[in-house]
Amino acid sequence: MLRNGRSRAVSLLAILGMSLASFSTFADTDIFTALDDPSTAKKSFDGNVLGSYNKQSGNTTSSNLAASSTMTWFQPTNAYSIWGEAANDSSNNVRSDEKYQAGARARHNLDTDNFLFGQANWLSDRYNGYRSRSTATAGYGRQLLNGPISHLRVEAGPGVRHDEFEGGGRQTKALAYGAMSFTYQLTDTTQFIQGVSLLGNADLTANSETGLSVAINKSFSLKVTYDVTYNSAPPDGAPKHTDTKTAIALVYGL
């Protein structure tokens, strides 16, 4: 009985750890929901980091590795951000997920409401059909809300994307980019987050992140997110048009 109880406890902790590890600070590097307005920055640097490794053996063998981070440096009119994520999962020695991504972004405020931006990112998501996907966009944005309670920005511009597919083949195409990022301070410790991005040409990729962030103390916060990615023309190796992910994470602020 004691051994069974310990086994259940270990299994519960492993499941909880894997749930926490599945969170990434952003749903996809094609959507950047972290606040990066230098005019409202309270410090010159802001960032967070998450890392986790879980392994279970016995009747079931499984492992999970996840790490992610977002960092932003602020100047009076400029902000520079970098981010990255790595995650892979396996069960009974069979790999079921492997995803790596990294990106960088720069923002320059023209005035209190208008800004220019540029961003680039790289993604490898073999189990969703992409050996690699590189995207670069640039354009104009406007800060519609910038108060103590709510922030809302919209941005748009041209871009280019290069895809290399897991099943073979590659393509490069120009595209149009548009995004919206909104946050609302529900209480002193709870913030609502909503981000949407669209990348389109002959086909359309849409990303959405909906979440709540609850501050526990000055260093840690609990974050719940629901991510949706829609691809109107998915790769042959991953034919489903829509992917969703629900995650809970404990995040440490740098």
Protein backbone atom coordinates (compact mmCIF):
# COMPACT_ATOMS: atom_id res chain seq x y z
CA MET A 1 0.00 0.00 0.00
CA LEU A 2 2.78 2.40 0.91
CA ARG A 3 4.59 1.60 -2.33
CA ASN A 4 1.39 2.17 -4.33
CA GLY A 5 0.83 5.47 -2.55
CA ARG A 6 4.36 6.61 -3.35
CA SER A 7 3.92 5.58 -6.98
CA ARG A 8 0.71 7.60 -7.25
CA ALA A 9 2.40 10.62 -5.67
CA VAL A 10 5.38 10.40 -8.03
CA SER A 11 3.04 10.08 -11.02
CA LEU A 12 0.99 13.08 -9.88
CA LEU A 13 4.10 15.22 -9.45
CA ALA A 14 5.39 14.16 -12.88
CA ILE A 15 2.08 15.08 -14.52
CA LEU A 16 2.03 18.45 -12.75
CA GLY A 17 5.66 19.11 -13.75
CA MET A 18 4.93 18.30 -17.39
CA SER A 19 1.93 20.64 -17.33
CA LEU A 20 4.05 23.45 -15.96
CA ALA A 21 6.81 22.76 -18.48
CA SER A 22 4.45 22.91 -21.45
CA PHE A 23 3.96 26.66 -21.08
CA SER A 24 5.82 29.05 -23.31
CA THR A 25 5.84 32.80 -22.79
CA PHE A 26 4.36 33.24 -26.25
CA ALA A 27 2.09 30.99 -28.28
CA ASP A 28 4.24 31.20 -31.37
CA THR A 29 7.07 33.49 -32.43
CA ASP A 30 4.74 34.89 -35.12
CA ILE A 31 2.85 36.60 -32.26
CA PHE A 32 4.68 38.67 -29.65
CA THR A 33 2.46 39.46 -26.68
CA ALA A 34 5.04 40.75 -24.20
CA LEU A 35 4.81 44.49 -23.54
CA ASP A 36 7.67 46.32 -25.23
CA ASP A 37 6.69 50.02 -25.15
CA PRO A 38 9.81 51.92 -24.01
CA SER A 39 7.76 54.97 -23.01
CA THR A 40 6.09 53.06 -20.16
CA ALA A 41 9.04 50.86 -19.11
CA LYS A 42 9.75 51.05 -15.39
CA LYS A 43 13.23 49.53 -15.69
CA SER A 44 15.90 49.11 -18.35
CA PHE A 45 15.51 45.31 -18.52
CA ASP A 46 12.64 42.89 -18.15
CA GLY A 47 12.57 39.14 -18.70
CA ASN A 48 11.47 35.74 -17.53
CA VAL A 49 12.66 32.16 -17.75
CA LEU A 50 11.22 28.67 -17.38
CA GLY A 51 12.94 25.29 -17.45
CA SER A 52 11.85 21.77 -16.59
CA TYR A 53 12.84 18.15 -17.10
CA ASN A 54 10.68 15.17 -16.14
CA LYS A 55 11.35 11.46 -16.53
CA GLN A 56 9.28 8.48 -15.52
CA SER A 57 10.23 4.79 -15.74
CA GLY A 58 8.63 1.51 -14.75
CA ASN A 59 5.38 0.29 -16.28
CA THR A 60 5.46 3.44 -18.43
CA THR A 61 8.56 5.19 -19.72
CA SER A 62 8.25 8.85 -20.64
CA SER A 63 10.30 12.03 -20.60
CA ASN A 64 9.64 15.73 -21.09
CA LEU A 65 12.10 18.59 -21.54
CA ALA A 66 11.07 22.23 -21.86
CA ALA A 67 12.78 25.61 -21.54
CA SER A 68 11.76 29.09 -22.62
CA SER A 69 12.76 32.68 -22.02
CA THR A 70 11.86 36.21 -23.12
CA MET A 71 14.14 39.19 -22.51
CA THR A 72 13.61 42.89 -23.38
CA TRP A 73 16.02 45.81 -23.06
CA PHE A 74 14.61 49.36 -22.98
CA GLN A 75 16.02 52.72 -24.04
CA PRO A 76 14.14 56.06 -24.04
CA THR A 77 12.58 55.46 -27.50
CA ASN A 78 13.74 51.92 -28.38
CA ALA A 79 13.10 48.39 -27.16
CA TYR A 80 15.00 45.23 -28.15
CA SER A 81 13.69 41.75 -27.40
CA ILE A 82 14.94 38.21 -27.84
CA TRP A 83 13.11 34.97 -27.05
CA GLY A 84 13.53 31.25 -27.38
CA GLU A 85 11.87 27.95 -26.61
CA ALA A 86 12.86 24.28 -26.70
CA ALA A 87 10.57 21.33 -25.97
CA ASN A 88 10.47 17.63 -26.72
CA ASP A 89 8.42 14.70 -25.41
CA SER A 90 8.71 10.95 -25.72
CA SER A 91 6.68 7.98 -24.48
CA ASN A 92 7.93 4.39 -24.40
CA ASN A 93 11.07 5.48 -26.27
CA VAL A 94 9.00 6.96 -29.12
CA ARG A 95 9.36 10.70 -29.76
CA SER A 96 5.98 12.44 -29.94
CA ASP A 97 6.93 16.12 -30.05
CA GLU A 98 10.03 18.16 -30.86
CA LYS A 99 9.88 21.93 -31.19
CA TYR A 100 12.54 24.65 -31.15
CA GLN A 101 12.13 28.34 -31.86
CA ALA A 102 14.00 31.61 -31.46
CA GLY A 103 13.37 35.21 -32.45
CA ALA A 104 14.31 38.85 -32.08
CA ARG A 105 12.37 42.11 -32.28
CA ALA A 106 13.14 45.83 -32.31
CA ARG A 107 10.70 48.70 -31.73
CA HIS A 108 11.29 52.43 -32.21
CA ASN A 109 8.76 54.95 -30.90
CA LEU A 110 8.13 57.82 -33.30
CA ASP A 111 6.00 59.54 -30.64
CA THR A 112 3.74 58.47 -27.78
CA ASP A 113 1.24 56.73 -30.10
CA ASN A 114 3.14 55.63 -33.22
CA PHE A 115 6.07 53.26 -33.66
CA LEU A 116 8.09 51.28 -36.20
CA PHE A 117 9.03 47.64 -35.67
CA GLY A 118 11.02 44.81 -37.17
CA GLN A 119 11.12 41.19 -36.10
CA ALA A 120 12.49 37.85 -37.27
CA ASN A 121 12.03 34.33 -36.02
CA TRP A 122 12.99 30.72 -36.74
CA LEU A 123 10.95 27.63 -35.95
CA SER A 124 11.59 23.90 -36.20
CA ASP A 125 8.46 21.82 -35.56
CA ARG A 126 8.99 18.39 -37.12
CA TYR A 127 5.79 16.85 -35.82
CA ASN A 128 3.75 19.67 -37.34
CA GLY A 129 5.45 19.20 -40.71
CA TYR A 130 8.15 21.90 -40.64
CA ARG A 131 11.84 21.05 -40.68
CA SER A 132 12.34 24.81 -40.43
CA ARG A 133 10.31 27.97 -40.94
CA SER A 134 11.94 31.39 -40.99
CA THR A 135 9.87 34.59 -41.00
CA ALA A 136 10.82 38.27 -41.12
CA THR A 137 8.38 41.19 -40.93
CA ALA A 138 8.63 44.96 -40.51
CA GLY A 139 6.19 47.84 -40.51
CA TYR A 140 4.19 50.44 -38.63
CA GLY A 141 2.29 50.18 -35.37
CA ARG A 142 0.02 52.32 -33.25
CA GLN A 143 -0.44 52.30 -29.49
CA LEU A 144 -4.22 52.72 -29.07
CA LEU A 145 -4.35 52.30 -25.27
CA ASN A 146 -1.46 52.99 -22.94
CA GLY A 147 -2.85 53.52 -19.47
CA PRO A 148 -2.22 52.04 -16.03
CA ILE A 149 -5.04 49.50 -16.50
CA SER A 150 -5.01 48.54 -20.19
CA HIS A 151 -2.59 48.38 -23.12
CA LEU A 152 -3.61 47.86 -26.74
CA ARG A 153 -1.37 47.98 -29.79
CA VAL A 154 -1.93 47.12 -33.43
CA GLU A 155 0.74 46.72 -36.09
CA ALA A 156 1.02 45.72 -39.73
CA GLY A 157 3.53 45.45 -42.53
CA PRO A 158 5.07 43.30 -45.26
CA GLY A 159 7.15 40.21 -44.65
CA VAL A 160 8.75 37.13 -46.13
CA ARG A 161 8.73 33.48 -45.04
CA HIS A 162 10.91 30.53 -46.03
CA ASP A 163 9.56 27.04 -45.29
CA GLU A 164 11.42 23.72 -45.43
CA PHE A 165 9.04 20.79 -44.97
CA GLU A 166 9.73 17.59 -43.03
CA GLY A 167 8.39 15.53 -45.93
CA GLY A 168 10.67 17.27 -48.44
CA GLY A 169 10.44 20.47 -50.49
CA ARG A 170 10.78 24.13 -49.70
CA GLN A 171 9.21 27.45 -50.62
CA THR A 172 9.78 31.16 -50.11
CA LYS A 173 6.99 33.70 -50.40
CA ALA A 174 6.13 37.29 -49.59
CA LEU A 175 3.28 37.87 -47.18
CA ALA A 176 1.27 40.49 -45.32
CA TYR A 177 1.45 40.66 -41.53
CA GLY A 178 -0.97 42.11 -38.99
CA ALA A 179 -1.18 41.73 -35.22
CA MET A 180 -2.97 42.97 -32.12
CA SER A 181 -1.84 42.71 -28.50
CA PHE A 182 -4.09 43.63 -25.55
CA THR A 183 -3.62 43.43 -21.78
CA TYR A 184 -6.02 44.45 -19.02
CA GLN A 185 -5.24 44.65 -15.31
CA LEU A 186 -8.19 42.90 -13.66
CA THR A 187 -6.86 43.27 -10.11
CA ASP A 188 -3.62 44.34 -8.45
CA THR A 189 -2.20 40.85 -9.08
CA THR A 190 -4.17 39.51 -12.07
CA GLN A 191 -3.69 40.48 -15.73
CA PHE A 192 -5.68 39.36 -18.78
CA ILE A 193 -3.68 38.81 -22.01
CA GLN A 194 -4.96 38.54 -25.58
CA GLY A 195 -2.85 38.47 -28.72
CA VAL A 196 -3.74 37.76 -32.35
CA SER A 197 -1.56 37.68 -35.47
CA LEU A 198 -2.28 37.02 -39.14
CA LEU A 199 0.24 36.05 -41.82
CA GLY A 200 -1.20 35.71 -45.28
CA ASN A 201 -0.69 35.49 -49.02
CA ALA A 202 -2.43 32.78 -51.02
CA ASP A 203 -2.86 30.94 -47.72
CA LEU A 204 -3.42 32.20 -44.18
CA THR A 205 -1.79 31.45 -40.83
CA ALA A 206 -3.59 32.82 -37.76
CA ASN A 207 -2.28 32.67 -34.19
CA SER A 208 -4.13 33.49 -30.98
CA GLU A 209 -3.03 33.55 -27.35
CA THR A 210 -5.54 34.06 -24.51
CA GLY A 211 -4.32 33.99 -20.94
CA LEU A 212 -4.32 35.10 -17.33
CA SER A 213 -1.21 36.00 -15.34
CA VAL A 214 -1.48 36.00 -11.53
CA ALA A 215 1.40 37.44 -9.52
CA ILE A 216 2.36 35.33 -6.51
CA ASN A 217 5.16 37.58 -5.28
CA LYS A 218 7.79 39.89 -6.77
CA SER A 219 9.60 37.04 -8.55
CA PHE A 220 7.00 34.39 -9.39
CA SER A 221 3.69 34.38 -11.23
CA LEU A 222 1.21 31.73 -12.28
CA LYS A 223 0.15 31.85 -15.93
CA VAL A 224 -2.70 30.06 -17.69
CA THR A 225 -2.86 30.22 -21.51
CA TYR A 226 -4.95 28.86 -24.35
CA ASP A 227 -3.22 28.95 -27.74
CA VAL A 228 -4.76 28.40 -31.16
CA THR A 229 -2.88 28.17 -34.47
CA TYR A 230 -4.79 27.90 -37.74
CA ASN A 231 -3.13 27.12 -41.08
CA SER A 232 -5.34 27.19 -44.19
CA ALA A 233 -2.75 25.14 -46.16
CA PRO A 234 -0.89 22.87 -43.71
CA PRO A 235 2.04 20.65 -44.81
CA ASP A 236 1.20 17.20 -46.18
CA GLY A 237 2.86 15.56 -43.17
CA ALA A 238 0.54 17.38 -40.70
CA PRO A 239 -2.80 17.78 -42.47
CA LYS A 240 -4.92 19.18 -39.62
CA HIS A 241 -5.69 22.89 -40.03
CA THR A 242 -5.95 23.81 -36.33
CA ASP A 243 -3.68 23.15 -33.34
CA THR A 244 -4.62 24.10 -29.77
CA LYS A 245 -2.73 24.05 -26.49
CA THR A 246 -3.87 24.71 -22.92
CA ALA A 247 -1.12 25.18 -20.35
CA ILE A 248 -0.46 26.22 -16.76
CA ALA A 249 2.97 27.48 -15.74
CA LEU A 250 4.95 28.88 -12.87
CA VAL A 251 7.09 31.69 -14.32
CA TYR A 252 10.16 33.29 -12.75
CA GLY A 253 10.80 36.95 -13.55
CA LEU A 254 14.43 38.02 -14.00
